[in-house]
Amino acid sequence: MDTLDTRQAADFLRIHPVTLHGKTRKGEIPGAKIGRRWVYLRVDLIAYVRAQYALRVSQGDRQENYGCHLSGAKTLPVGGSNSPSWEKRYIAAVGRPTERKRRSITTA
């Protein structure tokens, strides 16, 4: 079996070595720490990449089958409430912001 060090495995996956270590620690990418160094098997990395293909294909199928649940829907307004009653309740609860007191910047 062909083994790879961190740099070789990162180059193989075309990701940064720090990203590789993070994914390895989370258990997303198989690897083993032997002494002070991480070791990766090429066959495991190939299996990881192939699993990503299957994952993307299954997610793509799901989106094609169901589509967007808002397709054909009217455009919704963006932002907060336009209700005057909510505005009144908010002002009553929070109060209007007070102005800052002006300070003299001159010295005697």
PDB file of N, CA and C in Angstrom:
ATOM      1  N   MET A   1       0.839  -1.177   0.000  1.00  0.00           N
ATOM      2  CA  MET A   1       0.000   0.000   0.000  1.00  0.00           C
ATOM      3  C   MET A   1       0.880   1.235   0.000  1.00  0.00           C
ATOM      4  N   ASP A   2       0.418   2.225  -0.726  1.00  0.00           N
ATOM      5  CA  ASP A   2       1.155   3.467  -0.875  1.00  0.00           C
ATOM      6  C   ASP A   2       0.759   4.438   0.244  1.00  0.00           C
ATOM      7  N   THR A   3       1.753   4.915   1.007  1.00  0.00           N
ATOM      8  CA  THR A   3       1.486   5.868   2.078  1.00  0.00           C
ATOM      9  C   THR A   3       1.946   7.258   1.664  1.00  0.00           C
ATOM     10  N   LEU A   4       1.263   8.275   2.213  1.00  0.00           N
ATOM     11  CA  LEU A   4       1.575   9.658   1.911  1.00  0.00           C
ATOM     12  C   LEU A   4       1.763  10.427   3.212  1.00  0.00           C
ATOM     13  N   ASP A   5       2.677  11.387   3.194  1.00  0.00           N
ATOM     14  CA  ASP A   5       2.790  12.274   4.348  1.00  0.00           C
ATOM     15  C   ASP A   5       1.772  13.393   4.193  1.00  0.00           C
ATOM     16  N   THR A   6       1.766  14.314   5.131  1.00  0.00           N
ATOM     17  CA  THR A   6       0.765  15.381   5.122  1.00  0.00           C
ATOM     18  C   THR A   6       0.824  16.214   3.851  1.00  0.00           C
ATOM     19  N   ARG A   7       2.006  16.627   3.442  1.00  0.00           N
ATOM     20  CA  ARG A   7       2.147  17.478   2.256  1.00  0.00           C
ATOM     21  C   ARG A   7       1.675  16.731   1.006  1.00  0.00           C
ATOM     22  N   GLN A   8       2.083  15.477   0.867  1.00  0.00           N
ATOM     23  CA  GLN A   8       1.682  14.700  -0.300  1.00  0.00           C
ATOM     24  C   GLN A   8       0.173  14.470  -0.327  1.00  0.00           C
ATOM     25  N   ALA A   9      -0.410  14.175   0.843  1.00  0.00           N
ATOM     26  CA  ALA A   9      -1.858  13.954   0.912  1.00  0.00           C
ATOM     27  C   ALA A   9      -2.618  15.235   0.599  1.00  0.00           C
ATOM     28  N   ALA A  10      -2.130  16.368   1.122  1.00  0.00           N
ATOM     29  CA  ALA A  10      -2.772  17.651   0.839  1.00  0.00           C
ATOM     30  C   ALA A  10      -2.680  17.978  -0.642  1.00  0.00           C
ATOM     31  N   ASP A  11      -1.524  17.731  -1.240  1.00  0.00           N
ATOM     32  CA  ASP A  11      -1.372  17.963  -2.679  1.00  0.00           C
ATOM     33  C   ASP A  11      -2.297  17.049  -3.480  1.00  0.00           C
ATOM     34  N   PHE A  12      -2.424  15.801  -3.054  1.00  0.00           N
ATOM     35  CA  PHE A  12      -3.290  14.853  -3.729  1.00  0.00           C
ATOM     36  C   PHE A  12      -4.750  15.327  -3.708  1.00  0.00           C
ATOM     37  N   LEU A  13      -5.184  15.838  -2.541  1.00  0.00           N
ATOM     38  CA  LEU A  13      -6.559  16.309  -2.394  1.00  0.00           C
ATOM     39  C   LEU A  13      -6.738  17.756  -2.849  1.00  0.00           C
ATOM     40  N   ARG A  14      -5.622  18.412  -3.136  1.00  0.00           N
ATOM     41  CA  ARG A  14      -5.620  19.815  -3.560  1.00  0.00           C
ATOM     42  C   ARG A  14      -6.240  20.731  -2.509  1.00  0.00           C
ATOM     43  N   ILE A  15      -5.836  20.488  -1.251  1.00  0.00           N
ATOM     44  CA  ILE A  15      -6.249  21.347  -0.147  1.00  0.00           C
ATOM     45  C   ILE A  15      -5.012  21.733   0.654  1.00  0.00           C
ATOM     46  N   HIS A  16      -5.156  22.690   1.541  1.00  0.00           N
ATOM     47  CA  HIS A  16      -4.047  23.138   2.380  1.00  0.00           C
ATOM     48  C   HIS A  16      -3.786  22.104   3.473  1.00  0.00           C
ATOM     49  N   PRO A  17      -2.544  21.914   3.890  1.00  0.00           N
ATOM     50  CA  PRO A  17      -2.247  20.942   4.946  1.00  0.00           C
ATOM     51  C   PRO A  17      -2.990  21.211   6.259  1.00  0.00           C
ATOM     52  N   VAL A  18      -3.219  22.479   6.591  1.00  0.00           N
ATOM     53  CA  VAL A  18      -3.953  22.801   7.822  1.00  0.00           C
ATOM     54  C   VAL A  18      -5.401  22.317   7.700  1.00  0.00           C
ATOM     55  N   THR A  19      -5.986  22.483   6.533  1.00  0.00           N
ATOM     56  CA  THR A  19      -7.344  21.989   6.287  1.00  0.00           C
ATOM     57  C   THR A  19      -7.376  20.472   6.397  1.00  0.00           C
ATOM     58  N   LEU A  20      -6.357  19.835   5.856  1.00  0.00           N
ATOM     59  CA  LEU A  20      -6.264  18.376   5.931  1.00  0.00           C
ATOM     60  C   LEU A  20      -6.206  17.913   7.382  1.00  0.00           C
ATOM     61  N   HIS A  21      -5.390  18.558   8.207  1.00  0.00           N
ATOM     62  CA  HIS A  21      -5.285  18.172   9.619  1.00  0.00           C
ATOM     63  C   HIS A  21      -6.619  18.357  10.329  1.00  0.00           C
ATOM     64  N   GLY A  22      -7.309  19.473  10.042  1.00  0.00           N
ATOM     65  CA  GLY A  22      -8.610  19.705  10.670  1.00  0.00           C
ATOM     66  C   GLY A  22      -9.620  18.634  10.311  1.00  0.00           C
ATOM     67  N   LYS A  23      -9.685  18.278   9.037  1.00  0.00           N
ATOM     68  CA  LYS A  23     -10.623  17.253   8.597  1.00  0.00           C
ATOM     69  C   LYS A  23     -10.231  15.878   9.143  1.00  0.00           C
ATOM     70  N   THR A  24      -8.943  15.640   9.295  1.00  0.00           N
ATOM     71  CA  THR A  24      -8.490  14.364   9.856  1.00  0.00           C
ATOM     72  C   THR A  24      -8.863  14.273  11.328  1.00  0.00           C
ATOM     73  N   ARG A  25      -8.660  15.361  12.073  1.00  0.00           N
ATOM     74  CA  ARG A  25      -9.010  15.360  13.499  1.00  0.00           C
ATOM     75  C   ARG A  25     -10.506  15.173  13.713  1.00  0.00           C
ATOM     76  N   LYS A  26     -11.339  15.721  12.802  1.00  0.00           N
ATOM     77  CA  LYS A  26     -12.794  15.557  12.908  1.00  0.00           C
ATOM     78  C   LYS A  26     -13.247  14.169  12.486  1.00  0.00           C
ATOM     79  N   GLY A  27     -12.350  13.418  11.852  1.00  0.00           N
ATOM     80  CA  GLY A  27     -12.704  12.076  11.391  1.00  0.00           C
ATOM     81  C   GLY A  27     -13.294  12.058   9.994  1.00  0.00           C
ATOM     82  N   GLU A  28     -13.251  13.183   9.289  1.00  0.00           N
ATOM     83  CA  GLU A  28     -13.791  13.234   7.934  1.00  0.00           C
ATOM     84  C   GLU A  28     -12.860  12.544   6.942  1.00  0.00           C
ATOM     85  N   ILE A  29     -11.570  12.705   7.136  1.00  0.00           N
ATOM     86  CA  ILE A  29     -10.572  12.100   6.259  1.00  0.00           C
ATOM     87  C   ILE A  29      -9.779  11.101   7.090  1.00  0.00           C
ATOM     88  N   PRO A  30      -9.650   9.857   6.613  1.00  0.00           N
ATOM     89  CA  PRO A  30      -8.915   8.858   7.383  1.00  0.00           C
ATOM     90  C   PRO A  30      -7.414   9.117   7.357  1.00  0.00           C
ATOM     91  N   GLY A  31      -6.803   9.003   8.521  1.00  0.00           N
ATOM     92  CA  GLY A  31      -5.364   9.166   8.651  1.00  0.00           C
ATOM     93  C   GLY A  31      -4.943   8.686  10.030  1.00  0.00           C
ATOM     94  N   ALA A  32      -3.658   8.471  10.196  1.00  0.00           N
ATOM     95  CA  ALA A  32      -3.146   8.004  11.485  1.00  0.00           C
ATOM     96  C   ALA A  32      -1.911   8.800  11.849  1.00  0.00           C
ATOM     97  N   LYS A  33      -1.786   9.104  13.126  1.00  0.00           N
ATOM     98  CA  LYS A  33      -0.596   9.801  13.600  1.00  0.00           C
ATOM     99  C   LYS A  33       0.364   8.748  14.137  1.00  0.00           C
ATOM    100  N   ILE A  34       1.457   8.588  13.427  1.00  0.00           N
ATOM    101  CA  ILE A  34       2.493   7.628  13.814  1.00  0.00           C
ATOM    102  C   ILE A  34       3.661   8.451  14.350  1.00  0.00           C
ATOM    103  N   GLY A  35       3.872   8.373  15.639  1.00  0.00           N
ATOM    104  CA  GLY A  35       4.910   9.216  16.249  1.00  0.00           C
ATOM    105  C   GLY A  35       4.497  10.669  16.166  1.00  0.00           C
ATOM    106  N   ARG A  36       5.299  11.486  15.515  1.00  0.00           N
ATOM    107  CA  ARG A  36       4.996  12.908  15.373  1.00  0.00           C
ATOM    108  C   ARG A  36       4.383  13.265  14.022  1.00  0.00           C
ATOM    109  N   ARG A  37       4.223  12.299  13.157  1.00  0.00           N
ATOM    110  CA  ARG A  37       3.781  12.591  11.794  1.00  0.00           C
ATOM    111  C   ARG A  37       2.464  11.891  11.469  1.00  0.00           C
ATOM    112  N   TRP A  38       1.686  12.565  10.623  1.00  0.00           N
ATOM    113  CA  TRP A  38       0.458  11.980  10.122  1.00  0.00           C
ATOM    114  C   TRP A  38       0.771  11.161   8.876  1.00  0.00           C
ATOM    115  N   VAL A  39       0.100  10.016   8.742  1.00  0.00           N
ATOM    116  CA  VAL A  39       0.292   9.132   7.601  1.00  0.00           C
ATOM    117  C   VAL A  39      -1.085   8.845   6.995  1.00  0.00           C
ATOM    118  N   TYR A  40      -1.145   8.908   5.679  1.00  0.00           N
ATOM    119  CA  TYR A  40      -2.391   8.679   4.955  1.00  0.00           C
ATOM    120  C   TYR A  40      -2.160   7.595   3.914  1.00  0.00           C
ATOM    121  N   LEU A  41      -3.156   6.735   3.723  1.00  0.00           N
ATOM    122  CA  LEU A  41      -3.093   5.721   2.685  1.00  0.00           C
ATOM    123  C   LEU A  41      -3.761   6.276   1.428  1.00  0.00           C
ATOM    124  N   ARG A  42      -3.106   6.110   0.307  1.00  0.00           N
ATOM    125  CA  ARG A  42      -3.645   6.628  -0.953  1.00  0.00           C
ATOM    126  C   ARG A  42      -5.037   6.042  -1.238  1.00  0.00           C
ATOM    127  N   VAL A  43      -5.218   4.747  -0.968  1.00  0.00           N
ATOM    128  CA  VAL A  43      -6.512   4.116  -1.243  1.00  0.00           C
ATOM    129  C   VAL A  43      -7.620   4.732  -0.389  1.00  0.00           C
ATOM    130  N   ASP A  44      -7.299   5.123   0.850  1.00  0.00           N
ATOM    131  CA  ASP A  44      -8.293   5.768   1.703  1.00  0.00           C
ATOM    132  C   ASP A  44      -8.668   7.148   1.168  1.00  0.00           C
ATOM    133  N   LEU A  45      -7.676   7.878   0.669  1.00  0.00           N
ATOM    134  CA  LEU A  45      -7.947   9.206   0.114  1.00  0.00           C
ATOM    135  C   LEU A  45      -8.782   9.097  -1.162  1.00  0.00           C
ATOM    136  N   ILE A  46      -8.495   8.079  -1.971  1.00  0.00           N
ATOM    137  CA  ILE A  46      -9.288   7.851  -3.179  1.00  0.00           C
ATOM    138  C   ILE A  46     -10.733   7.533  -2.794  1.00  0.00           C
ATOM    139  N   ALA A  47     -10.916   6.702  -1.774  1.00  0.00           N
ATOM    140  CA  ALA A  47     -12.265   6.369  -1.306  1.00  0.00           C
ATOM    141  C   ALA A  47     -12.979   7.619  -0.778  1.00  0.00           C
ATOM    142  N   TYR A  48     -12.241   8.492  -0.092  1.00  0.00           N
ATOM    143  CA  TYR A  48     -12.819   9.736   0.415  1.00  0.00           C
ATOM    144  C   TYR A  48     -13.315  10.604  -0.740  1.00  0.00           C
ATOM    145  N   VAL A  49     -12.490  10.740  -1.783  1.00  0.00           N
ATOM    146  CA  VAL A  49     -12.876  11.549  -2.938  1.00  0.00           C
ATOM    147  C   VAL A  49     -14.092  10.936  -3.630  1.00  0.00           C
ATOM    148  N   ARG A  50     -14.110   9.628  -3.785  1.00  0.00           N
ATOM    149  CA  ARG A  50     -15.254   8.970  -4.420  1.00  0.00           C
ATOM    150  C   ARG A  50     -16.529   9.145  -3.598  1.00  0.00           C
ATOM    151  N   ALA A  51     -16.401   9.141  -2.291  1.00  0.00           N
ATOM    152  CA  ALA A  51     -17.565   9.360  -1.433  1.00  0.00           C
ATOM    153  C   ALA A  51     -18.105  10.776  -1.619  1.00  0.00           C
ATOM    154  N   GLN A  52     -17.231  11.738  -1.872  1.00  0.00           N
ATOM    155  CA  GLN A  52     -17.673  13.110  -2.125  1.00  0.00           C
ATOM    156  C   GLN A  52     -18.464  13.186  -3.419  1.00  0.00           C
ATOM    157  N   TYR A  53     -18.069  12.418  -4.427  1.00  0.00           N
ATOM    158  CA  TYR A  53     -18.824  12.368  -5.675  1.00  0.00           C
ATOM    159  C   TYR A  53     -20.244  11.886  -5.394  1.00  0.00           C
ATOM    160  N   ALA A  54     -20.356  10.786  -4.668  1.00  0.00           N
ATOM    161  CA  ALA A  54     -21.667  10.210  -4.377  1.00  0.00           C
ATOM    162  C   ALA A  54     -22.512  11.177  -3.562  1.00  0.00           C
ATOM    163  N   LEU A  55     -21.897  11.888  -2.627  1.00  0.00           N
ATOM    164  CA  LEU A  55     -22.613  12.836  -1.792  1.00  0.00           C
ATOM    165  C   LEU A  55     -23.182  13.966  -2.626  1.00  0.00           C
ATOM    166  N   ARG A  56     -22.382  14.501  -3.539  1.00  0.00           N
ATOM    167  CA  ARG A  56     -22.847  15.614  -4.378  1.00  0.00           C
ATOM    168  C   ARG A  56     -23.939  15.159  -5.344  1.00  0.00           C
ATOM    169  N   VAL A  57     -23.805  13.961  -5.875  1.00  0.00           N
ATOM    170  CA  VAL A  57     -24.811  13.448  -6.799  1.00  0.00           C
ATOM    171  C   VAL A  57     -26.136  13.273  -6.072  1.00  0.00           C
ATOM    172  N   SER A  58     -26.117  12.717  -4.848  1.00  0.00           N
ATOM    173  CA  SER A  58     -27.367  12.505  -4.112  1.00  0.00           C
ATOM    174  C   SER A  58     -27.986  13.835  -3.717  1.00  0.00           C
ATOM    175  N   GLN A  59     -27.206  14.830  -3.374  1.00  0.00           N
ATOM    176  CA  GLN A  59     -27.752  16.144  -3.049  1.00  0.00           C
ATOM    177  C   GLN A  59     -28.322  16.800  -4.296  1.00  0.00           C
ATOM    178  N   GLY A  60     -27.659  16.643  -5.424  1.00  0.00           N
ATOM    179  CA  GLY A  60     -28.157  17.207  -6.673  1.00  0.00           C
ATOM    180  C   GLY A  60     -29.470  16.580  -7.084  1.00  0.00           C
ATOM    181  N   ASP A  61     -29.606  15.261  -6.919  1.00  0.00           N
ATOM    182  CA  ASP A  61     -30.849  14.585  -7.254  1.00  0.00           C
ATOM    183  C   ASP A  61     -31.986  15.097  -6.383  1.00  0.00           C
ATOM    184  N   ARG A  62     -31.710  15.287  -5.111  1.00  0.00           N
ATOM    185  CA  ARG A  62     -32.728  15.740  -4.192  1.00  0.00           C
ATOM    186  C   ARG A  62     -33.243  17.120  -4.601  1.00  0.00           C
ATOM    187  N   GLN A  63     -32.341  18.008  -5.014  1.00  0.00           N
ATOM    188  CA  GLN A  63     -32.749  19.344  -5.415  1.00  0.00           C
ATOM    189  C   GLN A  63     -33.531  19.312  -6.718  1.00  0.00           C
ATOM    190  N   GLU A  64     -33.164  18.441  -7.652  1.00  0.00           N
ATOM    191  CA  GLU A  64     -33.879  18.365  -8.920  1.00  0.00           C
ATOM    192  C   GLU A  64     -35.283  17.795  -8.728  1.00  0.00           C
ATOM    193  N   ASN A  65     -35.409  16.805  -7.847  1.00  0.00           N
ATOM    194  CA  ASN A  65     -36.700  16.171  -7.658  1.00  0.00           C
ATOM    195  C   ASN A  65     -37.704  17.082  -6.969  1.00  0.00           C
ATOM    196  N   TYR A  66     -37.267  17.809  -5.985  1.00  0.00           N
ATOM    197  CA  TYR A  66     -38.190  18.602  -5.196  1.00  0.00           C
ATOM    198  C   TYR A  66     -38.259  20.052  -5.638  1.00  0.00           C
ATOM    199  N   GLY A  67     -37.190  20.580  -6.186  1.00  0.00           N
ATOM    200  CA  GLY A  67     -37.178  21.971  -6.618  1.00  0.00           C
ATOM    201  C   GLY A  67     -37.306  22.916  -5.440  1.00  0.00           C
ATOM    202  N   CYS A  68     -37.410  24.166  -5.747  1.00  0.00           N
ATOM    203  CA  CYS A  68     -37.546  25.188  -4.719  1.00  0.00           C
ATOM    204  C   CYS A  68     -39.001  25.274  -4.306  1.00  0.00           C
ATOM    205  N   HIS A  69     -39.253  25.283  -3.010  1.00  0.00           N
ATOM    206  CA  HIS A  69     -40.630  25.346  -2.543  1.00  0.00           C
ATOM    207  C   HIS A  69     -41.234  26.730  -2.748  1.00  0.00           C
ATOM    208  N   LEU A  70     -40.421  27.724  -3.099  1.00  0.00           N
ATOM    209  CA  LEU A  70     -40.929  29.071  -3.344  1.00  0.00           C
ATOM    210  C   LEU A  70     -41.030  29.392  -4.828  1.00  0.00           C
ATOM    211  N   SER A  71     -40.818  28.401  -5.701  1.00  0.00           N
ATOM    212  CA  SER A  71     -40.885  28.703  -7.125  1.00  0.00           C
ATOM    213  C   SER A  71     -42.297  29.145  -7.474  1.00  0.00           C
ATOM    214  N   GLY A  72     -42.386  30.252  -8.198  1.00  0.00           N
ATOM    215  CA  GLY A  72     -43.676  30.798  -8.565  1.00  0.00           C
ATOM    216  C   GLY A  72     -44.294  31.657  -7.475  1.00  0.00           C
ATOM    217  N   ALA A  73     -43.629  31.790  -6.341  1.00  0.00           N
ATOM    218  CA  ALA A  73     -44.163  32.601  -5.251  1.00  0.00           C
ATOM    219  C   ALA A  73     -43.915  34.078  -5.525  1.00  0.00           C
ATOM    220  N   LYS A  74     -44.741  34.910  -4.919  1.00  0.00           N
ATOM    221  CA  LYS A  74     -44.568  36.348  -5.063  1.00  0.00           C
ATOM    222  C   LYS A  74     -43.304  36.776  -4.317  1.00  0.00           C
ATOM    223  N   THR A  75     -42.723  37.890  -4.755  1.00  0.00           N
ATOM    224  CA  THR A  75     -41.552  38.417  -4.074  1.00  0.00           C
ATOM    225  C   THR A  75     -41.981  38.961  -2.719  1.00  0.00           C
ATOM    226  N   LEU A  76     -41.306  38.528  -1.693  1.00  0.00           N
ATOM    227  CA  LEU A  76     -41.637  38.953  -0.341  1.00  0.00           C
ATOM    228  C   LEU A  76     -40.843  40.198   0.023  1.00  0.00           C
ATOM    229  N   PRO A  77     -41.420  41.090   0.828  1.00  0.00           N
ATOM    230  CA  PRO A  77     -40.664  42.260   1.249  1.00  0.00           C
ATOM    231  C   PRO A  77     -39.510  41.855   2.149  1.00  0.00           C
ATOM    232  N   VAL A  78     -38.447  42.591   2.073  1.00  0.00           N
ATOM    233  CA  VAL A  78     -37.266  42.312   2.872  1.00  0.00           C
ATOM    234  C   VAL A  78     -37.205  43.312   4.006  1.00  0.00           C
ATOM    235  N   GLY A  79     -36.905  42.841   5.195  1.00  0.00           N
ATOM    236  CA  GLY A  79     -36.745  43.756   6.314  1.00  0.00           C
ATOM    237  C   GLY A  79     -37.731  43.463   7.417  1.00  0.00           C
ATOM    238  N   GLY A  80     -37.871  44.423   8.313  1.00  0.00           N
ATOM    239  CA  GLY A  80     -38.700  44.254   9.499  1.00  0.00           C
ATOM    240  C   GLY A  80     -40.176  44.419   9.216  1.00  0.00           C
ATOM    241  N   SER A  81     -40.926  44.550  10.284  1.00  0.00           N
ATOM    242  CA  SER A  81     -42.368  44.659  10.196  1.00  0.00           C
ATOM    243  C   SER A  81     -42.780  46.060   9.769  1.00  0.00           C
ATOM    244  N   ASN A  82     -43.835  46.140   8.977  1.00  0.00           N
ATOM    245  CA  ASN A  82     -44.400  47.426   8.584  1.00  0.00           C
ATOM    246  C   ASN A  82     -45.608  47.777   9.439  1.00  0.00           C
ATOM    247  N   SER A  83     -45.875  46.983  10.456  1.00  0.00           N
ATOM    248  CA  SER A  83     -47.055  47.169  11.279  1.00  0.00           C
ATOM    249  C   SER A  83     -46.850  48.335  12.247  1.00  0.00           C
ATOM    250  N   PRO A  84     -47.744  49.339  12.216  1.00  0.00           N
ATOM    251  CA  PRO A  84     -47.599  50.462  13.136  1.00  0.00           C
ATOM    252  C   PRO A  84     -47.765  50.040  14.589  1.00  0.00           C
ATOM    253  N   SER A  85     -48.570  48.989  14.850  1.00  0.00           N
ATOM    254  CA  SER A  85     -48.761  48.569  16.240  1.00  0.00           C
ATOM    255  C   SER A  85     -47.460  48.024  16.826  1.00  0.00           C
ATOM    256  N   TRP A  86     -46.686  47.298  16.051  1.00  0.00           N
ATOM    257  CA  TRP A  86     -45.409  46.793  16.534  1.00  0.00           C
ATOM    258  C   TRP A  86     -44.447  47.935  16.794  1.00  0.00           C
ATOM    259  N   GLU A  87     -44.472  48.942  15.938  1.00  0.00           N
ATOM    260  CA  GLU A  87     -43.585  50.088  16.126  1.00  0.00           C
ATOM    261  C   GLU A  87     -43.924  50.809  17.426  1.00  0.00           C
ATOM    262  N   LYS A  88     -45.207  50.985  17.695  1.00  0.00           N
ATOM    263  CA  LYS A  88     -45.615  51.658  18.938  1.00  0.00           C
ATOM    264  C   LYS A  88     -45.192  50.851  20.159  1.00  0.00           C
ATOM    265  N   ARG A  89     -45.385  49.536  20.101  1.00  0.00           N
ATOM    266  CA  ARG A  89     -44.976  48.687  21.236  1.00  0.00           C
ATOM    267  C   ARG A  89     -43.474  48.729  21.447  1.00  0.00           C
ATOM    268  N   TYR A  90     -42.735  48.743  20.352  1.00  0.00           N
ATOM    269  CA  TYR A  90     -41.273  48.796  20.450  1.00  0.00           C
ATOM    270  C   TYR A  90     -40.824  50.103  21.097  1.00  0.00           C
ATOM    271  N   ILE A  91     -41.389  51.221  20.645  1.00  0.00           N
ATOM    272  CA  ILE A  91     -41.006  52.519  21.196  1.00  0.00           C
ATOM    273  C   ILE A  91     -41.371  52.593  22.675  1.00  0.00           C
ATOM    274  N   ALA A  92     -42.531  52.034  23.041  1.00  0.00           N
ATOM    275  CA  ALA A  92     -42.947  52.046  24.444  1.00  0.00           C
ATOM    276  C   ALA A  92     -42.010  51.201  25.301  1.00  0.00           C
ATOM    277  N   ALA A  93     -41.554  50.071  24.760  1.00  0.00           N
ATOM    278  CA  ALA A  93     -40.694  49.180  25.533  1.00  0.00           C
ATOM    279  C   ALA A  93     -39.267  49.700  25.630  1.00  0.00           C
ATOM    280  N   VAL A  94     -38.758  50.192  24.536  1.00  0.00           N
ATOM    281  CA  VAL A  94     -37.350  50.582  24.487  1.00  0.00           C
ATOM    282  C   VAL A  94     -37.181  52.072  24.705  1.00  0.00           C
ATOM    283  N   GLY A  95     -38.091  52.836  24.226  1.00  0.00           N
ATOM    284  CA  GLY A  95     -37.982  54.276  24.335  1.00  0.00           C
ATOM    285  C   GLY A  95     -37.153  54.834  23.198  1.00  0.00           C
ATOM    286  N   ARG A  96     -37.312  56.099  22.964  1.00  0.00           N
ATOM    287  CA  ARG A  96     -36.536  56.760  21.917  1.00  0.00           C
ATOM    288  C   ARG A  96     -35.109  56.956  22.390  1.00  0.00           C
ATOM    289  N   PRO A  97     -34.158  56.863  21.492  1.00  0.00           N
ATOM    290  CA  PRO A  97     -32.783  57.136  21.895  1.00  0.00           C
ATOM    291  C   PRO A  97     -32.636  58.604  22.285  1.00  0.00           C
ATOM    292  N   THR A  98     -31.878  58.817  23.321  1.00  0.00           N
ATOM    293  CA  THR A  98     -31.648  60.194  23.767  1.00  0.00           C
ATOM    294  C   THR A  98     -30.422  60.750  23.075  1.00  0.00           C
ATOM    295  N   GLU A  99     -30.421  62.062  22.918  1.00  0.00           N
ATOM    296  CA  GLU A  99     -29.267  62.703  22.294  1.00  0.00           C
ATOM    297  C   GLU A  99     -28.135  62.773  23.308  1.00  0.00           C
ATOM    298  N   ARG A 100     -26.938  62.720  22.798  1.00  0.00           N
ATOM    299  CA  ARG A 100     -25.776  62.858  23.669  1.00  0.00           C
ATOM    300  C   ARG A 100     -25.639  64.319  24.062  1.00  0.00           C
ATOM    301  N   LYS A 101     -25.233  64.522  25.297  1.00  0.00           N
ATOM    302  CA  LYS A 101     -25.002  65.884  25.753  1.00  0.00           C
ATOM    303  C   LYS A 101     -23.778  66.428  25.052  1.00  0.00           C
ATOM    304  N   ARG A 102     -23.915  67.655  24.622  1.00  0.00           N
ATOM    305  CA  ARG A 102     -22.779  68.286  23.978  1.00  0.00           C
ATOM    306  C   ARG A 102     -21.797  68.725  25.043  1.00  0.00           C
ATOM    307  N   ARG A 103     -20.538  68.515  24.749  1.00  0.00           N
ATOM    308  CA  ARG A 103     -19.500  68.877  25.704  1.00  0.00           C
ATOM    309  C   ARG A 103     -18.650  69.980  25.104  1.00  0.00           C
ATOM    310  N   SER A 104     -18.200  70.804  25.955  1.00  0.00           N
ATOM    311  CA  SER A 104     -17.322  71.869  25.505  1.00  0.00           C
ATOM    312  C   SER A 104     -15.949  71.301  25.238  1.00  0.00           C
ATOM    313  N   ILE A 105     -15.402  71.662  24.104  1.00  0.00           N
ATOM    314  CA  ILE A 105     -14.065  71.159  23.788  1.00  0.00           C
ATOM    315  C   ILE A 105     -12.989  72.218  24.006  1.00  0.00           C
ATOM    316  N   THR A 106     -13.452  73.385  24.487  1.00  0.00           N
ATOM    317  CA  THR A 106     -12.472  74.436  24.758  1.00  0.00           C
ATOM    318  C   THR A 106     -12.017  74.348  26.196  1.00  0.00           C
ATOM    319  N   THR A 107     -10.821  74.727  26.435  1.00  0.00           N
ATOM    320  CA  THR A 107     -10.280  74.736  27.789  1.00  0.00           C
ATOM    321  C   THR A 107     -10.054  76.175  28.218  1.00  0.00           C
ATOM    322  N   ALA A 108     -10.178  76.433  29.500  1.00  0.00           N
ATOM    323  CA  ALA A 108     -10.022  77.778  29.997  1.00  0.00           C
ATOM    324  C   ALA A 108      -8.578  78.111  30.243  1.00  0.00           C
TER     325      ALA A 108
END
